[in-house]
Amino acid sequence: MDKVLVVSSTQKSIDLLTMLLKSNGYQNIQSVSNGTEARRVTNQSDFSIIIINSPLSDEFGVDLCISLTEITCASVILIAKNEIVDDLSAKVENFGVLVMGKPINRAVFYQTVKLAVASRRRIVGLQQQNVKLQNKIEEIRCIDKAKCFLIEQKGMTESQAHRYIEKTAMDNRITRKEVAENILGQYY
C-alpha cells in the first residue's frame, strides 16, 4: 500500500488532508509540521506521495519540494494559495512537482493524487528497467574483458573466445558472466 507523508504547519490542514486521503483509500499516512521534520522523516522511510501544504513554519515549501524530488522517488504535491499557483508551477514543474490551489476542491485533489500515483509507478518502472540495463551492460563488459584476455593471452580469435565462453557456460550450466568472472579470476 502507498505510504503518504503530509507536511503542514497547521493541525487543521493535516486533519483535512488525512481525512481526504483516508476517504480515497489511503491508510498509511504520516504527518509532520515543518520542512526540517519532513527532510528527517524522508531519510528514514520511503513514501509514495508527499503532500506539502505551504507555507510551512520554517520555510515556504518550494525548496523542500525540489529537495524531496532529488532525494526520493516520491511524487510531490505542493498546495498553495490560488493566486500564486502559476508562479509556483513555473518554479517547480521541471522537477515533477504537482501544484494545486487552495481552497482544496475534493475532485481536483483526488485527481491530483491519482496523477501523482501514476507518475510514481511510471518512475519506479523506469528505475527498475534502468537497473536491468545497467546489469546487462556490466555483464557485457565483463564478457568482453574475458574475451580480450583469451585473445591476448591464449591466442584465440574473437569468435573462438566467444565460442569458448558460450560452450563453457552451456557445459557447466552457468551464465556467460560467471564464466567470464572465472576466466578473469584465474589470471588477475
N, C-alpha and C. Protein backbone atom coordinates (compact mmCIF):
# COMPACT_ATOMS: atom_id res chain seq x y z
N MET A 1 0.84 -1.19 0.00
CA MET A 1 0.00 0.00 0.00
C MET A 1 0.88 1.24 0.00
N ASP A 2 0.41 2.27 -0.66
CA ASP A 2 1.16 3.51 -0.76
C ASP A 2 1.24 4.21 0.59
N LYS A 3 2.45 4.68 0.91
CA LYS A 3 2.67 5.42 2.15
C LYS A 3 2.72 6.90 1.81
N VAL A 4 1.99 7.70 2.57
CA VAL A 4 1.84 9.12 2.28
C VAL A 4 2.39 9.95 3.44
N LEU A 5 3.11 11.03 3.09
CA LEU A 5 3.58 11.99 4.08
C LEU A 5 2.86 13.31 3.84
N VAL A 6 2.25 13.84 4.88
CA VAL A 6 1.58 15.14 4.83
C VAL A 6 2.43 16.12 5.62
N VAL A 7 2.81 17.22 4.98
CA VAL A 7 3.61 18.25 5.65
C VAL A 7 2.78 19.53 5.70
N SER A 8 2.43 19.95 6.91
CA SER A 8 1.62 21.16 7.08
C SER A 8 1.88 21.74 8.46
N SER A 9 1.88 23.05 8.54
CA SER A 9 2.12 23.72 9.83
C SER A 9 0.90 23.74 10.72
N THR A 10 -0.29 23.51 10.16
CA THR A 10 -1.49 23.57 10.97
C THR A 10 -2.13 22.20 11.12
N GLN A 11 -2.57 21.91 12.31
CA GLN A 11 -3.22 20.62 12.58
C GLN A 11 -4.53 20.51 11.81
N LYS A 12 -5.21 21.63 11.62
CA LYS A 12 -6.47 21.62 10.88
C LYS A 12 -6.25 21.12 9.45
N SER A 13 -5.19 21.60 8.80
CA SER A 13 -4.88 21.16 7.44
C SER A 13 -4.45 19.70 7.41
N ILE A 14 -3.68 19.29 8.40
CA ILE A 14 -3.27 17.88 8.49
C ILE A 14 -4.50 16.99 8.60
N ASP A 15 -5.44 17.40 9.48
CA ASP A 15 -6.66 16.61 9.66
C ASP A 15 -7.49 16.54 8.37
N LEU A 16 -7.62 17.67 7.67
CA LEU A 16 -8.39 17.71 6.43
C LEU A 16 -7.74 16.81 5.36
N LEU A 17 -6.43 16.96 5.16
CA LEU A 17 -5.74 16.17 4.15
C LEU A 17 -5.76 14.68 4.49
N THR A 18 -5.61 14.37 5.77
CA THR A 18 -5.67 12.96 6.21
C THR A 18 -7.05 12.39 5.95
N MET A 19 -8.09 13.18 6.26
CA MET A 19 -9.46 12.72 6.02
C MET A 19 -9.71 12.48 4.54
N LEU A 20 -9.25 13.40 3.68
CA LEU A 20 -9.41 13.24 2.24
C LEU A 20 -8.66 12.01 1.72
N LEU A 21 -7.46 11.81 2.23
CA LEU A 21 -6.68 10.65 1.81
C LEU A 21 -7.33 9.34 2.26
N LYS A 22 -7.81 9.32 3.50
CA LYS A 22 -8.45 8.10 4.02
C LYS A 22 -9.73 7.79 3.25
N SER A 23 -10.47 8.83 2.88
CA SER A 23 -11.70 8.59 2.11
C SER A 23 -11.40 8.12 0.69
N ASN A 24 -10.16 8.28 0.29
CA ASN A 24 -9.72 7.82 -1.04
C ASN A 24 -8.97 6.49 -0.94
N GLY A 25 -8.98 5.86 0.24
CA GLY A 25 -8.40 4.53 0.39
C GLY A 25 -7.00 4.48 0.96
N TYR A 26 -6.41 5.58 1.30
CA TYR A 26 -5.06 5.59 1.87
C TYR A 26 -5.14 5.46 3.38
N GLN A 27 -4.42 4.50 3.93
CA GLN A 27 -4.45 4.28 5.37
C GLN A 27 -3.11 4.57 6.03
N ASN A 28 -2.02 4.39 5.29
CA ASN A 28 -0.68 4.55 5.84
C ASN A 28 -0.23 6.00 5.63
N ILE A 29 -0.65 6.87 6.55
CA ILE A 29 -0.41 8.31 6.43
C ILE A 29 0.38 8.79 7.64
N GLN A 30 1.44 9.52 7.38
CA GLN A 30 2.25 10.11 8.43
C GLN A 30 2.24 11.62 8.22
N SER A 31 2.31 12.38 9.30
CA SER A 31 2.32 13.83 9.14
C SER A 31 3.42 14.47 9.98
N VAL A 32 3.93 15.58 9.46
CA VAL A 32 4.92 16.39 10.17
C VAL A 32 4.53 17.86 9.98
N SER A 33 5.09 18.72 10.82
CA SER A 33 4.63 20.10 10.81
C SER A 33 5.60 21.11 10.18
N ASN A 34 6.78 20.66 9.73
CA ASN A 34 7.70 21.61 9.10
C ASN A 34 8.67 20.91 8.14
N GLY A 35 9.41 21.70 7.41
CA GLY A 35 10.33 21.17 6.41
C GLY A 35 11.47 20.38 7.00
N THR A 36 11.97 20.81 8.14
CA THR A 36 13.07 20.11 8.79
C THR A 36 12.65 18.68 9.16
N GLU A 37 11.49 18.55 9.76
CA GLU A 37 10.98 17.22 10.11
C GLU A 37 10.74 16.38 8.86
N ALA A 38 10.23 17.01 7.81
CA ALA A 38 9.96 16.29 6.56
C ALA A 38 11.25 15.71 5.98
N ARG A 39 12.31 16.50 5.99
CA ARG A 39 13.60 16.01 5.49
C ARG A 39 14.11 14.84 6.33
N ARG A 40 13.97 14.95 7.64
CA ARG A 40 14.42 13.88 8.54
C ARG A 40 13.62 12.61 8.31
N VAL A 41 12.32 12.72 8.22
CA VAL A 41 11.45 11.55 8.07
C VAL A 41 11.67 10.88 6.71
N THR A 42 11.88 11.67 5.66
CA THR A 42 12.09 11.06 4.34
C THR A 42 13.44 10.37 4.23
N ASN A 43 14.38 10.72 5.08
CA ASN A 43 15.65 10.00 5.12
C ASN A 43 15.50 8.64 5.80
N GLN A 44 14.48 8.50 6.64
CA GLN A 44 14.28 7.28 7.41
C GLN A 44 13.27 6.33 6.80
N SER A 45 12.42 6.81 5.91
CA SER A 45 11.34 6.00 5.38
C SER A 45 11.03 6.39 3.94
N ASP A 46 10.51 5.43 3.17
CA ASP A 46 10.12 5.70 1.79
C ASP A 46 8.64 6.03 1.72
N PHE A 47 8.32 7.05 0.95
CA PHE A 47 6.93 7.46 0.76
C PHE A 47 6.60 7.43 -0.72
N SER A 48 5.36 7.09 -1.03
CA SER A 48 4.90 7.12 -2.41
C SER A 48 4.50 8.53 -2.80
N ILE A 49 3.84 9.21 -1.87
CA ILE A 49 3.35 10.56 -2.12
C ILE A 49 3.74 11.45 -0.94
N ILE A 50 4.16 12.66 -1.25
CA ILE A 50 4.43 13.67 -0.22
C ILE A 50 3.60 14.90 -0.58
N ILE A 51 2.74 15.30 0.36
CA ILE A 51 1.88 16.46 0.14
C ILE A 51 2.35 17.57 1.07
N ILE A 52 2.67 18.71 0.47
CA ILE A 52 3.18 19.85 1.24
C ILE A 52 2.16 20.99 1.14
N ASN A 53 1.65 21.39 2.29
CA ASN A 53 0.70 22.50 2.37
C ASN A 53 1.49 23.75 2.76
N SER A 54 1.74 24.63 1.79
CA SER A 54 2.54 25.81 2.07
C SER A 54 1.67 26.97 2.55
N PRO A 55 2.25 27.91 3.25
CA PRO A 55 3.63 27.96 3.72
C PRO A 55 3.81 27.13 4.99
N LEU A 56 5.04 26.71 5.21
CA LEU A 56 5.37 25.97 6.43
C LEU A 56 5.92 26.93 7.47
N SER A 57 6.05 26.47 8.68
CA SER A 57 6.52 27.36 9.76
C SER A 57 7.99 27.73 9.61
N ASP A 58 8.79 26.86 8.98
CA ASP A 58 10.22 27.14 8.88
C ASP A 58 10.69 27.49 7.46
N GLU A 59 9.81 27.38 6.48
CA GLU A 59 10.13 27.74 5.10
C GLU A 59 8.84 27.77 4.30
N PHE A 60 8.93 28.25 3.07
CA PHE A 60 7.71 28.31 2.26
C PHE A 60 7.30 26.94 1.75
N GLY A 61 8.27 26.17 1.27
CA GLY A 61 7.97 24.82 0.80
C GLY A 61 8.51 24.51 -0.57
N VAL A 62 8.87 25.53 -1.35
CA VAL A 62 9.39 25.31 -2.70
C VAL A 62 10.72 24.56 -2.64
N ASP A 63 11.64 25.03 -1.81
CA ASP A 63 12.94 24.36 -1.68
C ASP A 63 12.77 22.93 -1.16
N LEU A 64 11.84 22.74 -0.27
CA LEU A 64 11.56 21.39 0.25
C LEU A 64 11.09 20.49 -0.88
N CYS A 65 10.18 20.97 -1.70
CA CYS A 65 9.67 20.19 -2.85
C CYS A 65 10.82 19.76 -3.75
N ILE A 66 11.64 20.70 -4.13
CA ILE A 66 12.75 20.41 -5.03
C ILE A 66 13.71 19.42 -4.39
N SER A 67 14.03 19.65 -3.14
CA SER A 67 14.93 18.75 -2.41
C SER A 67 14.38 17.33 -2.35
N LEU A 68 13.09 17.20 -2.06
CA LEU A 68 12.49 15.87 -1.94
C LEU A 68 12.42 15.14 -3.28
N THR A 69 12.24 15.87 -4.37
CA THR A 69 12.23 15.20 -5.68
C THR A 69 13.62 14.70 -6.05
N GLU A 70 14.64 15.33 -5.51
CA GLU A 70 16.01 14.91 -5.82
C GLU A 70 16.48 13.75 -4.96
N ILE A 71 15.94 13.62 -3.74
CA ILE A 71 16.45 12.57 -2.84
C ILE A 71 15.48 11.40 -2.65
N THR A 72 14.26 11.51 -3.17
CA THR A 72 13.29 10.42 -3.04
C THR A 72 12.69 10.10 -4.40
N CYS A 73 11.96 9.00 -4.45
CA CYS A 73 11.21 8.63 -5.66
C CYS A 73 9.74 8.99 -5.51
N ALA A 74 9.42 9.68 -4.44
CA ALA A 74 8.02 10.02 -4.15
C ALA A 74 7.50 11.07 -5.11
N SER A 75 6.21 11.00 -5.38
CA SER A 75 5.53 12.07 -6.11
C SER A 75 5.24 13.17 -5.10
N VAL A 76 5.53 14.40 -5.48
CA VAL A 76 5.38 15.52 -4.56
C VAL A 76 4.26 16.44 -5.06
N ILE A 77 3.35 16.77 -4.14
CA ILE A 77 2.25 17.69 -4.43
C ILE A 77 2.42 18.90 -3.52
N LEU A 78 2.42 20.08 -4.11
CA LEU A 78 2.52 21.33 -3.35
C LEU A 78 1.17 22.02 -3.41
N ILE A 79 0.64 22.35 -2.24
CA ILE A 79 -0.65 23.05 -2.16
C ILE A 79 -0.35 24.49 -1.72
N ALA A 80 -0.87 25.45 -2.49
CA ALA A 80 -0.62 26.87 -2.19
C ALA A 80 -1.85 27.69 -2.55
N LYS A 81 -1.84 28.95 -2.17
CA LYS A 81 -2.96 29.84 -2.49
C LYS A 81 -3.12 29.93 -4.01
N ASN A 82 -4.38 30.00 -4.45
CA ASN A 82 -4.69 30.06 -5.88
C ASN A 82 -3.95 31.18 -6.60
N GLU A 83 -3.75 32.31 -5.93
CA GLU A 83 -3.14 33.47 -6.56
C GLU A 83 -1.70 33.22 -6.99
N ILE A 84 -1.01 32.31 -6.35
CA ILE A 84 0.42 32.10 -6.66
C ILE A 84 0.70 30.74 -7.30
N VAL A 85 -0.34 29.98 -7.60
CA VAL A 85 -0.16 28.64 -8.16
C VAL A 85 0.64 28.68 -9.47
N ASP A 86 0.32 29.60 -10.36
CA ASP A 86 1.02 29.67 -11.64
C ASP A 86 2.50 29.98 -11.46
N ASP A 87 2.82 30.93 -10.57
CA ASP A 87 4.22 31.27 -10.31
C ASP A 87 4.97 30.08 -9.72
N LEU A 88 4.34 29.40 -8.77
CA LEU A 88 4.98 28.24 -8.15
C LEU A 88 5.16 27.11 -9.16
N SER A 89 4.18 26.91 -10.00
CA SER A 89 4.28 25.86 -11.03
C SER A 89 5.49 26.10 -11.91
N ALA A 90 5.71 27.34 -12.29
CA ALA A 90 6.86 27.67 -13.14
C ALA A 90 8.18 27.33 -12.45
N LYS A 91 8.22 27.47 -11.13
CA LYS A 91 9.45 27.20 -10.38
C LYS A 91 9.71 25.71 -10.19
N VAL A 92 8.65 24.92 -10.04
CA VAL A 92 8.86 23.53 -9.64
C VAL A 92 8.45 22.48 -10.68
N GLU A 93 7.84 22.90 -11.77
CA GLU A 93 7.33 21.91 -12.73
C GLU A 93 8.45 21.10 -13.39
N ASN A 94 9.64 21.69 -13.56
CA ASN A 94 10.75 20.95 -14.15
C ASN A 94 11.26 19.84 -13.23
N PHE A 95 10.87 19.88 -11.99
CA PHE A 95 11.26 18.85 -11.03
C PHE A 95 10.17 17.79 -10.86
N GLY A 96 9.06 17.96 -11.57
CA GLY A 96 7.98 16.98 -11.50
C GLY A 96 7.02 17.19 -10.35
N VAL A 97 7.05 18.36 -9.73
CA VAL A 97 6.16 18.65 -8.61
C VAL A 97 4.80 19.07 -9.16
N LEU A 98 3.75 18.50 -8.61
CA LEU A 98 2.38 18.89 -8.97
C LEU A 98 1.93 19.99 -8.02
N VAL A 99 1.36 21.06 -8.56
CA VAL A 99 0.92 22.19 -7.73
C VAL A 99 -0.58 22.33 -7.86
N MET A 100 -1.24 22.45 -6.72
CA MET A 100 -2.69 22.70 -6.73
C MET A 100 -3.02 23.83 -5.78
N GLY A 101 -4.13 24.51 -6.09
CA GLY A 101 -4.52 25.68 -5.31
C GLY A 101 -5.44 25.35 -4.15
N LYS A 102 -5.49 26.30 -3.22
CA LYS A 102 -6.44 26.19 -2.13
C LYS A 102 -7.34 27.40 -2.14
N PRO A 103 -8.56 27.27 -1.76
CA PRO A 103 -9.13 26.14 -1.02
C PRO A 103 -9.16 24.88 -1.88
N ILE A 104 -9.04 23.76 -1.20
CA ILE A 104 -8.94 22.47 -1.87
C ILE A 104 -10.31 22.01 -2.38
N ASN A 105 -10.35 21.68 -3.65
CA ASN A 105 -11.52 21.10 -4.27
C ASN A 105 -11.32 19.58 -4.22
N ARG A 106 -12.26 18.85 -3.63
CA ARG A 106 -12.11 17.40 -3.45
C ARG A 106 -11.82 16.67 -4.76
N ALA A 107 -12.58 16.98 -5.79
CA ALA A 107 -12.41 16.29 -7.07
C ALA A 107 -11.01 16.55 -7.64
N VAL A 108 -10.56 17.79 -7.58
CA VAL A 108 -9.22 18.13 -8.07
C VAL A 108 -8.17 17.45 -7.21
N PHE A 109 -8.38 17.41 -5.91
CA PHE A 109 -7.44 16.74 -5.02
C PHE A 109 -7.31 15.27 -5.37
N TYR A 110 -8.44 14.57 -5.52
CA TYR A 110 -8.41 13.15 -5.86
C TYR A 110 -7.71 12.91 -7.20
N GLN A 111 -8.00 13.75 -8.19
CA GLN A 111 -7.36 13.62 -9.50
C GLN A 111 -5.85 13.85 -9.39
N THR A 112 -5.46 14.83 -8.61
CA THR A 112 -4.04 15.13 -8.44
C THR A 112 -3.32 13.96 -7.77
N VAL A 113 -3.95 13.39 -6.76
CA VAL A 113 -3.35 12.24 -6.07
C VAL A 113 -3.23 11.06 -7.03
N LYS A 114 -4.27 10.81 -7.83
CA LYS A 114 -4.22 9.72 -8.80
C LYS A 114 -3.09 9.95 -9.82
N LEU A 115 -2.95 11.18 -10.28
CA LEU A 115 -1.88 11.52 -11.20
C LEU A 115 -0.52 11.31 -10.55
N ALA A 116 -0.40 11.70 -9.29
CA ALA A 116 0.86 11.51 -8.56
C ALA A 116 1.21 10.03 -8.44
N VAL A 117 0.23 9.21 -8.13
CA VAL A 117 0.46 7.76 -8.00
C VAL A 117 0.87 7.18 -9.35
N ALA A 118 0.18 7.57 -10.41
CA ALA A 118 0.52 7.06 -11.74
C ALA A 118 1.94 7.48 -12.14
N SER A 119 2.29 8.71 -11.84
CA SER A 119 3.64 9.21 -12.15
C SER A 119 4.70 8.42 -11.39
N ARG A 120 4.43 8.17 -10.13
CA ARG A 120 5.41 7.42 -9.33
C ARG A 120 5.57 6.00 -9.85
N ARG A 121 4.47 5.36 -10.20
CA ARG A 121 4.58 3.99 -10.72
C ARG A 121 5.41 3.96 -12.00
N ARG A 122 5.21 4.96 -12.82
CA ARG A 122 5.99 5.03 -14.06
C ARG A 122 7.47 5.24 -13.74
N ILE A 123 7.77 6.11 -12.80
CA ILE A 123 9.16 6.37 -12.41
C ILE A 123 9.79 5.10 -11.85
N VAL A 124 9.09 4.41 -10.98
CA VAL A 124 9.62 3.18 -10.38
C VAL A 124 9.87 2.14 -11.47
N GLY A 125 8.95 2.02 -12.43
CA GLY A 125 9.14 1.10 -13.53
C GLY A 125 10.37 1.44 -14.35
N LEU A 126 10.57 2.72 -14.62
CA LEU A 126 11.74 3.15 -15.37
C LEU A 126 13.03 2.91 -14.59
N GLN A 127 12.98 3.09 -13.27
CA GLN A 127 14.16 2.82 -12.45
C GLN A 127 14.51 1.33 -12.48
N GLN A 128 13.50 0.47 -12.41
CA GLN A 128 13.75 -0.96 -12.47
C GLN A 128 14.34 -1.35 -13.83
N GLN A 129 13.81 -0.76 -14.89
CA GLN A 129 14.34 -1.03 -16.22
C GLN A 129 15.78 -0.54 -16.33
N ASN A 130 16.07 0.60 -15.74
CA ASN A 130 17.42 1.15 -15.73
C ASN A 130 18.40 0.21 -15.03
N VAL A 131 17.98 -0.34 -13.90
CA VAL A 131 18.83 -1.27 -13.16
C VAL A 131 19.12 -2.51 -14.01
N LYS A 132 18.09 -3.04 -14.68
CA LYS A 132 18.28 -4.21 -15.55
C LYS A 132 19.28 -3.90 -16.67
N LEU A 133 19.13 -2.73 -17.28
CA LEU A 133 20.02 -2.35 -18.36
C LEU A 133 21.45 -2.16 -17.86
N GLN A 134 21.61 -1.58 -16.70
CA GLN A 134 22.96 -1.41 -16.15
C GLN A 134 23.60 -2.75 -15.82
N ASN A 135 22.79 -3.69 -15.31
CA ASN A 135 23.32 -5.04 -15.06
C ASN A 135 23.74 -5.71 -16.36
N LYS A 136 22.94 -5.52 -17.40
CA LYS A 136 23.27 -6.10 -18.71
C LYS A 136 24.56 -5.49 -19.25
N ILE A 137 24.71 -4.19 -19.11
CA ILE A 137 25.95 -3.52 -19.56
C ILE A 137 27.14 -4.07 -18.80
N GLU A 138 27.00 -4.24 -17.50
CA GLU A 138 28.09 -4.78 -16.68
C GLU A 138 28.44 -6.20 -17.13
N GLU A 139 27.42 -7.00 -17.44
CA GLU A 139 27.65 -8.36 -17.92
C GLU A 139 28.43 -8.34 -19.24
N ILE A 140 28.02 -7.48 -20.16
CA ILE A 140 28.69 -7.38 -21.46
C ILE A 140 30.13 -6.94 -21.29
N ARG A 141 30.37 -5.98 -20.41
CA ARG A 141 31.74 -5.51 -20.15
C ARG A 141 32.62 -6.64 -19.61
N CYS A 142 32.07 -7.39 -18.68
CA CYS A 142 32.83 -8.49 -18.07
C CYS A 142 33.16 -9.55 -19.13
N ILE A 143 32.18 -9.90 -19.95
CA ILE A 143 32.39 -10.91 -21.00
C ILE A 143 33.41 -10.39 -22.02
N ASP A 144 33.30 -9.13 -22.41
CA ASP A 144 34.25 -8.56 -23.37
C ASP A 144 35.66 -8.54 -22.81
N LYS A 145 35.78 -8.25 -21.53
CA LYS A 145 37.10 -8.24 -20.90
C LYS A 145 37.70 -9.65 -20.90
N ALA A 146 36.87 -10.65 -20.62
CA ALA A 146 37.34 -12.04 -20.64
C ALA A 146 37.74 -12.44 -22.07
N LYS A 147 36.95 -12.00 -23.06
CA LYS A 147 37.30 -12.30 -24.45
C LYS A 147 38.64 -11.68 -24.81
N CYS A 148 38.85 -10.44 -24.41
CA CYS A 148 40.13 -9.77 -24.68
C CYS A 148 41.28 -10.55 -24.05
N PHE A 149 41.07 -11.01 -22.85
CA PHE A 149 42.11 -11.79 -22.17
C PHE A 149 42.40 -13.05 -22.98
N LEU A 150 41.37 -13.77 -23.39
CA LEU A 150 41.57 -15.00 -24.16
C LEU A 150 42.26 -14.72 -25.49
N ILE A 151 41.94 -13.61 -26.11
CA ILE A 151 42.57 -13.24 -27.38
C ILE A 151 44.05 -12.92 -27.16
N GLU A 152 44.34 -12.10 -26.14
CA GLU A 152 45.71 -11.65 -25.89
C GLU A 152 46.59 -12.75 -25.30
N GLN A 153 46.06 -13.47 -24.33
CA GLN A 153 46.89 -14.43 -23.59
C GLN A 153 46.86 -15.85 -24.14
N LYS A 154 45.76 -16.23 -24.74
CA LYS A 154 45.60 -17.60 -25.22
C LYS A 154 45.68 -17.71 -26.74
N GLY A 155 45.81 -16.55 -27.42
CA GLY A 155 45.96 -16.56 -28.86
C GLY A 155 44.70 -16.95 -29.62
N MET A 156 43.55 -16.81 -29.01
CA MET A 156 42.29 -17.14 -29.68
C MET A 156 41.86 -15.98 -30.56
N THR A 157 41.03 -16.28 -31.54
CA THR A 157 40.37 -15.22 -32.30
C THR A 157 39.15 -14.79 -31.49
N GLU A 158 38.54 -13.68 -31.92
CA GLU A 158 37.35 -13.22 -31.18
C GLU A 158 36.24 -14.26 -31.24
N SER A 159 36.03 -14.86 -32.40
CA SER A 159 34.97 -15.86 -32.50
C SER A 159 35.30 -17.10 -31.68
N GLN A 160 36.55 -17.49 -31.60
CA GLN A 160 36.94 -18.63 -30.75
C GLN A 160 36.71 -18.31 -29.28
N ALA A 161 37.08 -17.10 -28.88
CA ALA A 161 36.89 -16.69 -27.49
C ALA A 161 35.40 -16.66 -27.14
N HIS A 162 34.61 -16.13 -28.07
CA HIS A 162 33.16 -16.09 -27.88
C HIS A 162 32.61 -17.50 -27.76
N ARG A 163 33.00 -18.38 -28.65
CA ARG A 163 32.54 -19.76 -28.64
C ARG A 163 32.97 -20.47 -27.36
N TYR A 164 34.19 -20.22 -26.91
CA TYR A 164 34.70 -20.85 -25.69
C TYR A 164 33.84 -20.46 -24.48
N ILE A 165 33.53 -19.18 -24.37
CA ILE A 165 32.71 -18.70 -23.25
C ILE A 165 31.31 -19.28 -23.33
N GLU A 166 30.72 -19.26 -24.52
CA GLU A 166 29.36 -19.81 -24.71
C GLU A 166 29.33 -21.30 -24.35
N LYS A 167 30.28 -22.08 -24.88
CA LYS A 167 30.29 -23.53 -24.68
C LYS A 167 30.54 -23.86 -23.22
N THR A 168 31.46 -23.16 -22.58
CA THR A 168 31.74 -23.41 -21.17
C THR A 168 30.50 -23.12 -20.32
N ALA A 169 29.80 -22.05 -20.66
CA ALA A 169 28.58 -21.70 -19.91
C ALA A 169 27.53 -22.80 -20.07
N MET A 170 27.35 -23.28 -21.31
CA MET A 170 26.36 -24.34 -21.53
C MET A 170 26.77 -25.65 -20.86
N ASP A 171 28.03 -26.02 -21.01
CA ASP A 171 28.51 -27.29 -20.44
C ASP A 171 28.40 -27.32 -18.92
N ASN A 172 28.67 -26.20 -18.30
CA ASN A 172 28.66 -26.13 -16.82
C ASN A 172 27.34 -25.61 -16.25
N ARG A 173 26.42 -25.26 -17.15
CA ARG A 173 25.11 -24.74 -16.75
C ARG A 173 25.22 -23.53 -15.82
N ILE A 174 26.05 -22.61 -16.26
CA ILE A 174 26.22 -21.33 -15.56
C ILE A 174 26.09 -20.23 -16.60
N THR A 175 26.02 -19.00 -16.13
CA THR A 175 25.87 -17.89 -17.06
C THR A 175 27.20 -17.55 -17.71
N ARG A 176 27.10 -16.84 -18.83
CA ARG A 176 28.31 -16.39 -19.52
C ARG A 176 29.11 -15.44 -18.62
N LYS A 177 28.40 -14.65 -17.82
CA LYS A 177 29.11 -13.74 -16.92
C LYS A 177 29.92 -14.51 -15.88
N GLU A 178 29.35 -15.58 -15.36
CA GLU A 178 30.08 -16.39 -14.39
C GLU A 178 31.33 -17.01 -15.02
N VAL A 179 31.21 -17.46 -16.27
CA VAL A 179 32.37 -17.99 -16.99
C VAL A 179 33.43 -16.90 -17.13
N ALA A 180 32.98 -15.72 -17.54
CA ALA A 180 33.92 -14.60 -17.72
C ALA A 180 34.60 -14.24 -16.40
N GLU A 181 33.82 -14.21 -15.32
CA GLU A 181 34.41 -13.91 -14.00
C GLU A 181 35.41 -14.98 -13.59
N ASN A 182 35.11 -16.25 -13.88
CA ASN A 182 36.05 -17.33 -13.58
C ASN A 182 37.35 -17.18 -14.38
N ILE A 183 37.22 -16.84 -15.66
CA ILE A 183 38.40 -16.65 -16.50
C ILE A 183 39.24 -15.50 -15.95
N LEU A 184 38.60 -14.40 -15.65
CA LEU A 184 39.33 -13.24 -15.13
C LEU A 184 39.87 -13.50 -13.74
N GLY A 185 39.15 -14.27 -12.93
CA GLY A 185 39.60 -14.58 -11.57
C GLY A 185 40.83 -15.47 -11.54
N GLN A 186 40.98 -16.31 -12.55
CA GLN A 186 42.14 -17.21 -12.61
C GLN A 186 43.43 -16.47 -12.91
N TYR A 187 43.31 -15.37 -13.66
CA TYR A 187 44.52 -14.73 -14.17
C TYR A 187 44.78 -13.35 -13.62
N TYR A 188 43.86 -12.83 -12.82
CA TYR A 188 44.07 -11.49 -12.25
C TYR A 188 44.11 -11.54 -10.76
